[in-house]
Amino acid sequence: MDINELIEIVKKKIQSKISVEKISVEDKSFLHKKHKNNAVNKFHLKISIKSKFLKKKKKIESSRQIYKLLEKELKEHIHSVQLNIE
């Protein structure tokens, strides 16, 4: 899968289930190229979400909700996620 396609899928999945004021998804794979378990077909993403809905929840609950939405992508295309909720 292409990184741009993955970014769009991630945005759409999150926005379809969560009230979001702003969302940004960045490819941070270049920071991990020399890591032992780095794979060409797995990406490192930074997801920044501005959401009053998520902010009302505990951080662990918000994170779980995001990871549940992205379950398929995490198994197949995402190696790691840096999640920032504001």
PDB file of N, CA and C in Angstrom:
ATOM      1  N   MET A   1       0.846  -1.179   0.000  1.00  0.00           N
ATOM      2  CA  MET A   1       0.000   0.000   0.000  1.00  0.00           C
ATOM      3  C   MET A   1       0.891   1.241   0.000  1.00  0.00           C
ATOM      4  N   ASP A   2       0.486   2.223  -0.714  1.00  0.00           N
ATOM      5  CA  ASP A   2       1.167   3.521  -0.802  1.00  0.00           C
ATOM      6  C   ASP A   2       0.879   4.341   0.462  1.00  0.00           C
ATOM      7  N   ILE A   3       1.866   5.102   0.922  1.00  0.00           N
ATOM      8  CA  ILE A   3       1.706   5.884   2.159  1.00  0.00           C
ATOM      9  C   ILE A   3       0.575   6.905   2.052  1.00  0.00           C
ATOM     10  N   ASN A   4       0.426   7.533   0.901  1.00  0.00           N
ATOM     11  CA  ASN A   4      -0.647   8.531   0.740  1.00  0.00           C
ATOM     12  C   ASN A   4      -2.025   7.883   0.832  1.00  0.00           C
ATOM     13  N   GLU A   5      -2.145   6.699   0.286  1.00  0.00           N
ATOM     14  CA  GLU A   5      -3.402   5.955   0.365  1.00  0.00           C
ATOM     15  C   GLU A   5      -3.698   5.574   1.821  1.00  0.00           C
ATOM     16  N   LEU A   6      -2.676   5.126   2.533  1.00  0.00           N
ATOM     17  CA  LEU A   6      -2.832   4.758   3.939  1.00  0.00           C
ATOM     18  C   LEU A   6      -3.250   5.965   4.782  1.00  0.00           C
ATOM     19  N   ILE A   7      -2.632   7.092   4.552  1.00  0.00           N
ATOM     20  CA  ILE A   7      -2.982   8.315   5.288  1.00  0.00           C
ATOM     21  C   ILE A   7      -4.449   8.674   5.078  1.00  0.00           C
ATOM     22  N   GLU A   8      -4.922   8.586   3.850  1.00  0.00           N
ATOM     23  CA  GLU A   8      -6.331   8.900   3.561  1.00  0.00           C
ATOM     24  C   GLU A   8      -7.279   7.913   4.244  1.00  0.00           C
ATOM     25  N   ILE A   9      -6.920   6.640   4.228  1.00  0.00           N
ATOM     26  CA  ILE A   9      -7.751   5.625   4.888  1.00  0.00           C
ATOM     27  C   ILE A   9      -7.832   5.902   6.383  1.00  0.00           C
ATOM     28  N   VAL A  10      -6.700   6.200   7.002  1.00  0.00           N
ATOM     29  CA  VAL A  10      -6.658   6.486   8.438  1.00  0.00           C
ATOM     30  C   VAL A  10      -7.538   7.691   8.764  1.00  0.00           C
ATOM     31  N   LYS A  11      -7.396   8.759   8.008  1.00  0.00           N
ATOM     32  CA  LYS A  11      -8.211   9.963   8.241  1.00  0.00           C
ATOM     33  C   LYS A  11      -9.696   9.661   8.117  1.00  0.00           C
ATOM     34  N   LYS A  12     -10.070   8.972   7.040  1.00  0.00           N
ATOM     35  CA  LYS A  12     -11.485   8.678   6.797  1.00  0.00           C
ATOM     36  C   LYS A  12     -12.079   7.795   7.886  1.00  0.00           C
ATOM     37  N   LYS A  13     -11.337   6.785   8.308  1.00  0.00           N
ATOM     38  CA  LYS A  13     -11.848   5.883   9.353  1.00  0.00           C
ATOM     39  C   LYS A  13     -12.076   6.636  10.657  1.00  0.00           C
ATOM     40  N   ILE A  14     -11.134   7.465  11.033  1.00  0.00           N
ATOM     41  CA  ILE A  14     -11.269   8.216  12.280  1.00  0.00           C
ATOM     42  C   ILE A  14     -12.411   9.219  12.185  1.00  0.00           C
ATOM     43  N   GLN A  15     -12.460   9.976  11.100  1.00  0.00           N
ATOM     44  CA  GLN A  15     -13.495  11.007  10.941  1.00  0.00           C
ATOM     45  C   GLN A  15     -14.896  10.414  10.800  1.00  0.00           C
ATOM     46  N   SER A  16     -14.995   9.188  10.316  1.00  0.00           N
ATOM     47  CA  SER A  16     -16.322   8.583  10.142  1.00  0.00           C
ATOM     48  C   SER A  16     -16.941   8.137  11.473  1.00  0.00           C
ATOM     49  N   LYS A  17     -16.121   7.929  12.507  1.00  0.00           N
ATOM     50  CA  LYS A  17     -16.631   7.407  13.772  1.00  0.00           C
ATOM     51  C   LYS A  17     -16.465   8.346  14.962  1.00  0.00           C
ATOM     52  N   ILE A  18     -15.644   9.393  14.792  1.00  0.00           N
ATOM     53  CA  ILE A  18     -15.350  10.290  15.914  1.00  0.00           C
ATOM     54  C   ILE A  18     -15.534  11.731  15.469  1.00  0.00           C
ATOM     55  N   SER A  19     -16.129  12.529  16.341  1.00  0.00           N
ATOM     56  CA  SER A  19     -16.270  13.953  16.064  1.00  0.00           C
ATOM     57  C   SER A  19     -14.888  14.612  16.204  1.00  0.00           C
ATOM     58  N   VAL A  20     -14.399  15.133  15.076  1.00  0.00           N
ATOM     59  CA  VAL A  20     -13.041  15.681  15.023  1.00  0.00           C
ATOM     60  C   VAL A  20     -13.090  17.104  14.476  1.00  0.00           C
ATOM     61  N   GLU A  21     -12.418  18.020  15.157  1.00  0.00           N
ATOM     62  CA  GLU A  21     -12.319  19.386  14.646  1.00  0.00           C
ATOM     63  C   GLU A  21     -11.182  19.503  13.623  1.00  0.00           C
ATOM     64  N   LYS A  22     -10.116  18.740  13.873  1.00  0.00           N
ATOM     65  CA  LYS A  22      -8.955  18.786  12.981  1.00  0.00           C
ATOM     66  C   LYS A  22      -8.191  17.474  13.117  1.00  0.00           C
ATOM     67  N   ILE A  23      -7.647  16.981  11.987  1.00  0.00           N
ATOM     68  CA  ILE A  23      -6.836  15.768  12.024  1.00  0.00           C
ATOM     69  C   ILE A  23      -5.654  15.920  11.070  1.00  0.00           C
ATOM     70  N   SER A  24      -4.533  15.418  11.504  1.00  0.00           N
ATOM     71  CA  SER A  24      -3.314  15.450  10.701  1.00  0.00           C
ATOM     72  C   SER A  24      -2.622  14.105  10.842  1.00  0.00           C
ATOM     73  N   VAL A  25      -2.221  13.519   9.717  1.00  0.00           N
ATOM     74  CA  VAL A  25      -1.505  12.243   9.732  1.00  0.00           C
ATOM     75  C   VAL A  25      -0.208  12.430   8.953  1.00  0.00           C
ATOM     76  N   GLU A  26       0.910  12.154   9.609  1.00  0.00           N
ATOM     77  CA  GLU A  26       2.220  12.350   8.996  1.00  0.00           C
ATOM     78  C   GLU A  26       2.989  11.035   8.935  1.00  0.00           C
ATOM     79  N   ASP A  27       3.739  10.857   7.857  1.00  0.00           N
ATOM     80  CA  ASP A  27       4.615   9.701   7.708  1.00  0.00           C
ATOM     81  C   ASP A  27       5.938  10.013   8.401  1.00  0.00           C
ATOM     82  N   LYS A  28       6.256   9.251   9.429  1.00  0.00           N
ATOM     83  CA  LYS A  28       7.512   9.428  10.172  1.00  0.00           C
ATOM     84  C   LYS A  28       8.431   8.221   9.984  1.00  0.00           C
ATOM     85  N   SER A  29       8.196   7.446   8.941  1.00  0.00           N
ATOM     86  CA  SER A  29       8.966   6.228   8.691  1.00  0.00           C
ATOM     87  C   SER A  29      10.458   6.498   8.536  1.00  0.00           C
ATOM     88  N   PHE A  30      10.803   7.636   7.972  1.00  0.00           N
ATOM     89  CA  PHE A  30      12.213   7.958   7.738  1.00  0.00           C
ATOM     90  C   PHE A  30      13.015   7.999   9.041  1.00  0.00           C
ATOM     91  N   LEU A  31      12.356   8.243  10.155  1.00  0.00           N
ATOM     92  CA  LEU A  31      13.045   8.300  11.448  1.00  0.00           C
ATOM     93  C   LEU A  31      13.422   6.906  11.961  1.00  0.00           C
ATOM     94  N   HIS A  32      12.867   5.878  11.346  1.00  0.00           N
ATOM     95  CA  HIS A  32      13.027   4.520  11.849  1.00  0.00           C
ATOM     96  C   HIS A  32      13.730   3.584  10.859  1.00  0.00           C
ATOM     97  N   LYS A  33      14.265   4.100   9.778  1.00  0.00           N
ATOM     98  CA  LYS A  33      14.850   3.261   8.724  1.00  0.00           C
ATOM     99  C   LYS A  33      15.938   2.318   9.216  1.00  0.00           C
ATOM    100  N   LYS A  34      16.714   2.724  10.173  1.00  0.00           N
ATOM    101  CA  LYS A  34      17.816   1.885  10.639  1.00  0.00           C
ATOM    102  C   LYS A  34      17.451   0.994  11.824  1.00  0.00           C
ATOM    103  N   HIS A  35      16.200   1.022  12.223  1.00  0.00           N
ATOM    104  CA  HIS A  35      15.771   0.177  13.337  1.00  0.00           C
ATOM    105  C   HIS A  35      15.764  -1.296  12.920  1.00  0.00           C
ATOM    106  N   LYS A  36      16.062  -2.150  13.860  1.00  0.00           N
ATOM    107  CA  LYS A  36      16.200  -3.585  13.623  1.00  0.00           C
ATOM    108  C   LYS A  36      14.961  -4.205  12.957  1.00  0.00           C
ATOM    109  N   ASN A  37      13.777  -3.892  13.448  1.00  0.00           N
ATOM    110  CA  ASN A  37      12.546  -4.515  12.946  1.00  0.00           C
ATOM    111  C   ASN A  37      11.829  -3.690  11.881  1.00  0.00           C
ATOM    112  N   ASN A  38      12.505  -2.728  11.297  1.00  0.00           N
ATOM    113  CA  ASN A  38      11.883  -1.894  10.267  1.00  0.00           C
ATOM    114  C   ASN A  38      11.591  -2.728   9.020  1.00  0.00           C
ATOM    115  N   ALA A  39      10.394  -2.572   8.474  1.00  0.00           N
ATOM    116  CA  ALA A  39       9.994  -3.274   7.254  1.00  0.00           C
ATOM    117  C   ALA A  39       9.540  -2.250   6.225  1.00  0.00           C
ATOM    118  N   VAL A  40       9.875  -2.484   4.980  1.00  0.00           N
ATOM    119  CA  VAL A  40       9.552  -1.542   3.902  1.00  0.00           C
ATOM    120  C   VAL A  40       8.043  -1.331   3.762  1.00  0.00           C
ATOM    121  N   ASN A  41       7.266  -2.373   3.984  1.00  0.00           N
ATOM    122  CA  ASN A  41       5.811  -2.286   3.803  1.00  0.00           C
ATOM    123  C   ASN A  41       5.055  -1.884   5.069  1.00  0.00           C
ATOM    124  N   LYS A  42       5.770  -1.500   6.124  1.00  0.00           N
ATOM    125  CA  LYS A  42       5.141  -1.045   7.371  1.00  0.00           C
ATOM    126  C   LYS A  42       5.560   0.394   7.645  1.00  0.00           C
ATOM    127  N   PHE A  43       4.608   1.214   8.033  1.00  0.00           N
ATOM    128  CA  PHE A  43       4.857   2.644   8.200  1.00  0.00           C
ATOM    129  C   PHE A  43       4.773   3.070   9.662  1.00  0.00           C
ATOM    130  N   HIS A  44       5.441   4.161   9.943  1.00  0.00           N
ATOM    131  CA  HIS A  44       5.404   4.803  11.255  1.00  0.00           C
ATOM    132  C   HIS A  44       4.634   6.104  11.075  1.00  0.00           C
ATOM    133  N   LEU A  45       3.514   6.235  11.771  1.00  0.00           N
ATOM    134  CA  LEU A  45       2.653   7.400  11.589  1.00  0.00           C
ATOM    135  C   LEU A  45       2.560   8.242  12.850  1.00  0.00           C
ATOM    136  N   LYS A  46       2.440   9.536  12.630  1.00  0.00           N
ATOM    137  CA  LYS A  46       2.123  10.463  13.714  1.00  0.00           C
ATOM    138  C   LYS A  46       0.715  10.981  13.415  1.00  0.00           C
ATOM    139  N   ILE A  47      -0.206  10.722  14.333  1.00  0.00           N
ATOM    140  CA  ILE A  47      -1.600  11.142  14.165  1.00  0.00           C
ATOM    141  C   ILE A  47      -1.910  12.195  15.226  1.00  0.00           C
ATOM    142  N   SER A  48      -2.250  13.382  14.772  1.00  0.00           N
ATOM    143  CA  SER A  48      -2.630  14.477  15.668  1.00  0.00           C
ATOM    144  C   SER A  48      -4.109  14.763  15.461  1.00  0.00           C
ATOM    145  N   ILE A  49      -4.859  14.730  16.546  1.00  0.00           N
ATOM    146  CA  ILE A  49      -6.307  14.909  16.471  1.00  0.00           C
ATOM    147  C   ILE A  49      -6.740  15.989  17.455  1.00  0.00           C
ATOM    148  N   LYS A  50      -7.497  16.934  16.948  1.00  0.00           N
ATOM    149  CA  LYS A  50      -8.135  17.915  17.818  1.00  0.00           C
ATOM    150  C   LYS A  50      -9.608  17.513  17.885  1.00  0.00           C
ATOM    151  N   SER A  51     -10.027  17.105  19.093  1.00  0.00           N
ATOM    152  CA  SER A  51     -11.391  16.610  19.251  1.00  0.00           C
ATOM    153  C   SER A  51     -11.880  16.853  20.676  1.00  0.00           C
ATOM    154  N   LYS A  52     -12.943  17.603  20.795  1.00  0.00           N
ATOM    155  CA  LYS A  52     -13.549  17.828  22.111  1.00  0.00           C
ATOM    156  C   LYS A  52     -14.097  16.512  22.666  1.00  0.00           C
ATOM    157  N   PHE A  53     -14.611  15.688  21.761  1.00  0.00           N
ATOM    158  CA  PHE A  53     -15.166  14.395  22.134  1.00  0.00           C
ATOM    159  C   PHE A  53     -14.104  13.508  22.791  1.00  0.00           C
ATOM    160  N   LEU A  54     -12.945  13.382  22.168  1.00  0.00           N
ATOM    161  CA  LEU A  54     -11.870  12.545  22.709  1.00  0.00           C
ATOM    162  C   LEU A  54     -11.239  13.165  23.948  1.00  0.00           C
ATOM    163  N   LYS A  55     -11.171  14.473  23.971  1.00  0.00           N
ATOM    164  CA  LYS A  55     -10.528  15.170  25.092  1.00  0.00           C
ATOM    165  C   LYS A  55     -11.302  14.955  26.401  1.00  0.00           C
ATOM    166  N   LYS A  56     -12.598  14.710  26.294  1.00  0.00           N
ATOM    167  CA  LYS A  56     -13.432  14.477  27.475  1.00  0.00           C
ATOM    168  C   LYS A  56     -13.145  13.113  28.113  1.00  0.00           C
ATOM    169  N   LYS A  57     -12.582  12.203  27.323  1.00  0.00           N
ATOM    170  CA  LYS A  57     -12.295  10.861  27.814  1.00  0.00           C
ATOM    171  C   LYS A  57     -10.911  10.796  28.437  1.00  0.00           C
ATOM    172  N   LYS A  58     -10.663   9.723  29.168  1.00  0.00           N
ATOM    173  CA  LYS A  58      -9.315   9.476  29.666  1.00  0.00           C
ATOM    174  C   LYS A  58      -8.438   9.152  28.466  1.00  0.00           C
ATOM    175  N   LYS A  59      -7.163   9.474  28.580  1.00  0.00           N
ATOM    176  CA  LYS A  59      -6.237   9.273  27.458  1.00  0.00           C
ATOM    177  C   LYS A  59      -6.220   7.817  26.988  1.00  0.00           C
ATOM    178  N   ILE A  60      -6.227   6.884  27.901  1.00  0.00           N
ATOM    179  CA  ILE A  60      -6.200   5.463  27.543  1.00  0.00           C
ATOM    180  C   ILE A  60      -7.457   5.065  26.773  1.00  0.00           C
ATOM    181  N   GLU A  61      -8.608   5.614  27.141  1.00  0.00           N
ATOM    182  CA  GLU A  61      -9.858   5.313  26.442  1.00  0.00           C
ATOM    183  C   GLU A  61      -9.835   5.865  25.016  1.00  0.00           C
ATOM    184  N   SER A  62      -9.346   7.090  24.870  1.00  0.00           N
ATOM    185  CA  SER A  62      -9.247   7.704  23.544  1.00  0.00           C
ATOM    186  C   SER A  62      -8.304   6.904  22.652  1.00  0.00           C
ATOM    187  N   SER A  63      -7.178   6.529  23.203  1.00  0.00           N
ATOM    188  CA  SER A  63      -6.192   5.760  22.435  1.00  0.00           C
ATOM    189  C   SER A  63      -6.767   4.420  22.007  1.00  0.00           C
ATOM    190  N   ARG A  64      -7.425   3.730  22.915  1.00  0.00           N
ATOM    191  CA  ARG A  64      -8.035   2.432  22.582  1.00  0.00           C
ATOM    192  C   ARG A  64      -9.057   2.562  21.463  1.00  0.00           C
ATOM    193  N   GLN A  65      -9.831   3.626  21.511  1.00  0.00           N
ATOM    194  CA  GLN A  65     -10.850   3.838  20.483  1.00  0.00           C
ATOM    195  C   GLN A  65     -10.196   4.015  19.109  1.00  0.00           C
ATOM    196  N   ILE A  66      -9.124   4.786  19.046  1.00  0.00           N
ATOM    197  CA  ILE A  66      -8.404   5.008  17.787  1.00  0.00           C
ATOM    198  C   ILE A  66      -7.788   3.694  17.295  1.00  0.00           C
ATOM    199  N   TYR A  67      -7.121   2.976  18.194  1.00  0.00           N
ATOM    200  CA  TYR A  67      -6.475   1.717  17.802  1.00  0.00           C
ATOM    201  C   TYR A  67      -7.503   0.690  17.331  1.00  0.00           C
ATOM    202  N   LYS A  68      -8.670   0.666  17.940  1.00  0.00           N
ATOM    203  CA  LYS A  68      -9.732  -0.259  17.520  1.00  0.00           C
ATOM    204  C   LYS A  68     -10.199   0.078  16.096  1.00  0.00           C
ATOM    205  N   LEU A  69     -10.338   1.358  15.795  1.00  0.00           N
ATOM    206  CA  LEU A  69     -10.751   1.777  14.459  1.00  0.00           C
ATOM    207  C   LEU A  69      -9.718   1.384  13.396  1.00  0.00           C
ATOM    208  N   LEU A  70      -8.458   1.407  13.781  1.00  0.00           N
ATOM    209  CA  LEU A  70      -7.368   1.155  12.838  1.00  0.00           C
ATOM    210  C   LEU A  70      -6.802  -0.265  12.955  1.00  0.00           C
ATOM    211  N   GLU A  71      -7.583  -1.158  13.529  1.00  0.00           N
ATOM    212  CA  GLU A  71      -7.110  -2.519  13.803  1.00  0.00           C
ATOM    213  C   GLU A  71      -6.531  -3.213  12.558  1.00  0.00           C
ATOM    214  N   LYS A  72      -7.232  -3.164  11.459  1.00  0.00           N
ATOM    215  CA  LYS A  72      -6.775  -3.813  10.222  1.00  0.00           C
ATOM    216  C   LYS A  72      -5.472  -3.189   9.723  1.00  0.00           C
ATOM    217  N   GLU A  73      -5.418  -1.867   9.706  1.00  0.00           N
ATOM    218  CA  GLU A  73      -4.225  -1.168   9.219  1.00  0.00           C
ATOM    219  C   GLU A  73      -3.023  -1.426  10.128  1.00  0.00           C
ATOM    220  N   LEU A  74      -3.268  -1.515  11.434  1.00  0.00           N
ATOM    221  CA  LEU A  74      -2.180  -1.799  12.374  1.00  0.00           C
ATOM    222  C   LEU A  74      -1.592  -3.189  12.127  1.00  0.00           C
ATOM    223  N   LYS A  75      -2.418  -4.138  11.785  1.00  0.00           N
ATOM    224  CA  LYS A  75      -1.940  -5.494  11.505  1.00  0.00           C
ATOM    225  C   LYS A  75      -1.178  -5.573  10.189  1.00  0.00           C
ATOM    226  N   GLU A  76      -1.646  -4.832   9.190  1.00  0.00           N
ATOM    227  CA  GLU A  76      -1.119  -5.009   7.839  1.00  0.00           C
ATOM    228  C   GLU A  76      -0.133  -3.947   7.367  1.00  0.00           C
ATOM    229  N   HIS A  77      -0.296  -2.676   7.805  1.00  0.00           N
ATOM    230  CA  HIS A  77       0.474  -1.602   7.180  1.00  0.00           C
ATOM    231  C   HIS A  77       1.165  -0.636   8.139  1.00  0.00           C
ATOM    232  N   ILE A  78       0.806  -0.669   9.409  1.00  0.00           N
ATOM    233  CA  ILE A  78       1.365   0.304  10.346  1.00  0.00           C
ATOM    234  C   ILE A  78       2.225  -0.427  11.373  1.00  0.00           C
ATOM    235  N   HIS A  79       3.458   0.010  11.501  1.00  0.00           N
ATOM    236  CA  HIS A  79       4.366  -0.571  12.495  1.00  0.00           C
ATOM    237  C   HIS A  79       4.208   0.130  13.847  1.00  0.00           C
ATOM    238  N   SER A  80       4.092   1.456  13.802  1.00  0.00           N
ATOM    239  CA  SER A  80       3.919   2.201  15.055  1.00  0.00           C
ATOM    240  C   SER A  80       3.129   3.477  14.822  1.00  0.00           C
ATOM    241  N   VAL A  81       2.509   3.939  15.916  1.00  0.00           N
ATOM    242  CA  VAL A  81       1.709   5.159  15.874  1.00  0.00           C
ATOM    243  C   VAL A  81       2.120   6.062  17.031  1.00  0.00           C
ATOM    244  N   GLN A  82       2.344   7.306  16.694  1.00  0.00           N
ATOM    245  CA  GLN A  82       2.533   8.342  17.708  1.00  0.00           C
ATOM    246  C   GLN A  82       1.217   9.114  17.715  1.00  0.00           C
ATOM    247  N   LEU A  83       0.491   9.038  18.809  1.00  0.00           N
ATOM    248  CA  LEU A  83      -0.841   9.620  18.874  1.00  0.00           C
ATOM    249  C   LEU A  83      -0.841  10.849  19.758  1.00  0.00           C
ATOM    250  N   ASN A  84      -1.346  11.942  19.213  1.00  0.00           N
ATOM    251  CA  ASN A  84      -1.434  13.198  19.946  1.00  0.00           C
ATOM    252  C   ASN A  84      -2.884  13.674  19.897  1.00  0.00           C
ATOM    253  N   ILE A  85      -3.513  13.754  21.071  1.00  0.00           N
ATOM    254  CA  ILE A  85      -4.915  14.188  21.139  1.00  0.00           C
ATOM    255  C   ILE A  85      -4.969  15.489  21.923  1.00  0.00           C
ATOM    256  N   GLU A  86      -5.549  16.500  21.290  1.00  0.00           N
ATOM    257  CA  GLU A  86      -5.670  17.798  21.951  1.00  0.00           C
ATOM    258  C   GLU A  86      -7.102  18.255  22.000  1.00  0.00           C
TER     259      GLU A  86
END
